[in-house]
Amino acid sequence: MISSAGILPAQCFAYITTTDSTRLHTYASCCGNDYSQAKGWYRFMGNGGTRLVSTPLHQTNICGANYPGWWNGTLPMITGTTNVGNMCFYDGSSTCTNSLSPILATNCGDYYIFYLLQIPCCTNYRYCTTS
């Protein structure tokens, strides 16, 4: 856990918002990727879900990607705190292939934000969301 409880850190006020519904783990389609997405703090909202999937995914060609990604970590329960995890990508044979870390999650009270890393070029990995 990082940060002290009760005080909202700066990232709760400075993030990129995404509402892309093709990121949802229930969206059955493939072939997108996130390798052009810059690293930084992201908030998922609206039709695009509200947070990263935090349970293992066991299916390819969902959330708009060949290889869907899920956050292997525990969401912080206390407002103002940040937890560290890693991103796992399912490639059809292993639940956690080519993981990326650190991926951070911050509890901003009514919502979570995530510090996402840039995915390596030319891969079909994508960050997947849920509501």
Protein backbone atom coordinates (compact mmCIF):
# COMPACT_ATOMS: atom_id res chain seq x y z
CA MET A 1 0.00 0.00 0.00
CA ILE A 2 1.22 3.47 -0.90
CA SER A 3 -0.06 6.89 0.27
CA SER A 4 -1.77 7.73 3.51
CA ALA A 5 -5.44 7.03 4.12
CA GLY A 6 -8.03 9.81 3.87
CA ILE A 7 -6.00 12.21 1.72
CA LEU A 8 -6.62 12.08 -2.00
CA PRO A 9 -3.37 11.93 -3.95
CA ALA A 10 -2.73 14.17 -6.97
CA GLN A 11 -3.53 11.42 -9.49
CA CYS A 12 -7.20 11.48 -8.34
CA PHE A 13 -7.44 14.88 -10.04
CA ALA A 14 -5.24 14.37 -13.11
CA TYR A 15 -6.03 11.33 -15.26
CA ILE A 16 -7.17 10.27 -18.71
CA THR A 17 -10.81 9.20 -18.97
CA THR A 18 -11.89 6.34 -21.22
CA THR A 19 -15.45 5.15 -21.94
CA ASP A 20 -14.60 2.60 -24.65
CA SER A 21 -17.21 -0.18 -24.39
CA THR A 22 -15.06 -2.54 -26.49
CA ARG A 23 -12.78 -2.89 -23.43
CA LEU A 24 -15.47 -4.74 -21.46
CA HIS A 25 -14.60 -8.39 -20.83
CA THR A 26 -18.10 -9.27 -22.09
CA TYR A 27 -17.39 -7.74 -25.52
CA ALA A 28 -16.77 -10.69 -27.84
CA SER A 29 -14.47 -9.44 -30.56
CA CYS A 30 -10.77 -9.38 -31.28
CA CYS A 31 -7.93 -7.77 -32.98
CA GLY A 32 -7.47 -4.49 -31.13
CA ASN A 33 -4.47 -3.59 -29.02
CA ASP A 34 -3.15 -0.95 -26.65
CA TYR A 35 0.45 -0.58 -27.80
CA SER A 36 -0.14 2.99 -28.96
CA GLN A 37 -1.64 4.00 -25.60
CA ALA A 38 0.72 6.15 -23.53
CA LYS A 39 1.57 5.24 -19.96
CA GLY A 40 -0.26 7.22 -17.31
CA TRP A 41 -3.23 7.38 -14.93
CA TYR A 42 -6.55 6.20 -16.41
CA ARG A 43 -10.13 6.25 -15.17
CA PHE A 44 -12.65 3.90 -16.78
CA MET A 45 -16.20 5.22 -16.91
CA GLY A 46 -19.67 4.74 -18.37
CA ASN A 47 -20.18 2.10 -21.04
CA GLY A 48 -16.47 1.26 -20.81
CA GLY A 49 -16.77 -0.18 -17.31
CA THR A 50 -15.42 1.30 -14.10
CA ARG A 51 -12.25 -0.68 -13.36
CA LEU A 52 -9.82 -3.23 -14.71
CA VAL A 53 -10.86 -6.87 -14.59
CA SER A 54 -9.23 -8.31 -11.46
CA THR A 55 -9.97 -12.01 -11.92
CA PRO A 56 -8.16 -14.29 -14.36
CA LEU A 57 -9.49 -14.34 -17.91
CA HIS A 58 -9.50 -17.69 -19.70
CA GLN A 59 -10.70 -16.77 -23.18
CA THR A 60 -9.04 -15.12 -26.15
CA ASN A 61 -10.76 -12.72 -28.55
CA ILE A 62 -12.66 -10.72 -25.95
CA CYS A 63 -12.61 -7.04 -24.92
CA GLY A 64 -11.55 -6.10 -28.42
CA ALA A 65 -8.24 -8.00 -28.33
CA ASN A 66 -6.70 -11.31 -29.22
CA TYR A 67 -5.06 -11.46 -25.80
CA PRO A 68 -7.13 -9.89 -23.00
CA GLY A 69 -5.49 -8.42 -19.94
CA TRP A 70 -6.52 -8.62 -16.29
CA TRP A 71 -5.08 -6.91 -13.24
CA ASN A 72 -3.44 -9.31 -10.80
CA GLY A 73 -3.77 -7.31 -7.61
CA THR A 74 -6.07 -6.28 -4.79
CA LEU A 75 -8.08 -3.09 -5.12
CA PRO A 76 -7.38 -0.71 -2.23
CA MET A 77 -10.36 -0.47 0.13
CA ILE A 78 -9.30 2.72 1.91
CA THR A 79 -9.83 6.06 0.17
CA GLY A 80 -6.58 7.73 -0.80
CA THR A 81 -4.50 4.55 -0.86
CA THR A 82 -2.74 2.87 -3.76
CA ASN A 83 -2.00 -0.83 -4.27
CA VAL A 84 0.52 -2.38 -6.63
CA GLY A 85 -0.17 -5.34 -8.92
CA ASN A 86 0.75 -6.57 -12.35
CA MET A 87 -1.13 -6.97 -15.61
CA CYS A 88 -1.53 -10.50 -16.96
CA PHE A 89 -2.47 -11.37 -20.53
CA TYR A 90 -4.17 -14.59 -21.56
CA ASP A 91 -2.74 -16.05 -24.77
CA GLY A 92 -4.75 -19.27 -24.89
CA SER A 93 -2.23 -21.40 -23.03
CA SER A 94 -1.22 -19.56 -19.86
CA THR A 95 -3.31 -17.39 -17.57
CA CYS A 96 -0.54 -14.86 -16.95
CA THR A 97 1.61 -14.50 -20.03
CA ASN A 98 4.00 -11.61 -20.53
CA SER A 99 2.93 -9.68 -17.46
CA LEU A 100 3.58 -5.97 -17.08
CA SER A 101 4.40 -4.35 -13.76
CA PRO A 102 4.01 -2.28 -11.79
CA ILE A 103 0.36 -1.47 -12.46
CA LEU A 104 -1.05 0.76 -9.71
CA ALA A 105 -4.65 1.14 -8.51
CA THR A 106 -5.72 4.14 -6.42
CA ASN A 107 -8.97 4.42 -4.48
CA CYS A 108 -10.27 7.95 -5.09
CA GLY A 109 -13.39 7.55 -2.96
CA ASP A 110 -16.18 7.04 -5.49
CA TYR A 111 -13.94 5.55 -8.18
CA TYR A 112 -10.64 3.85 -8.91
CA ILE A 113 -7.90 5.02 -11.22
CA PHE A 114 -5.09 2.89 -12.62
CA TYR A 115 -1.53 3.68 -13.64
CA LEU A 116 -1.09 1.76 -16.89
CA LEU A 117 2.16 1.06 -18.67
CA GLN A 118 2.58 1.18 -22.42
CA ILE A 119 2.15 -2.27 -23.92
CA PRO A 120 5.06 -3.46 -26.09
CA CYS A 121 4.77 -2.65 -29.76
CA CYS A 122 3.07 -4.95 -32.18
CA THR A 123 1.39 -7.22 -29.64
CA ASN A 124 -2.34 -7.88 -29.52
CA TYR A 125 -2.61 -7.28 -25.77
CA ARG A 126 -5.28 -5.02 -24.30
CA TYR A 127 -6.39 -3.79 -20.88
CA CYS A 128 -9.87 -5.22 -20.16
CA THR A 129 -12.54 -3.70 -17.95
CA THR A 130 -15.62 -4.61 -15.93
CA SER A 131 -18.35 -2.69 -14.15
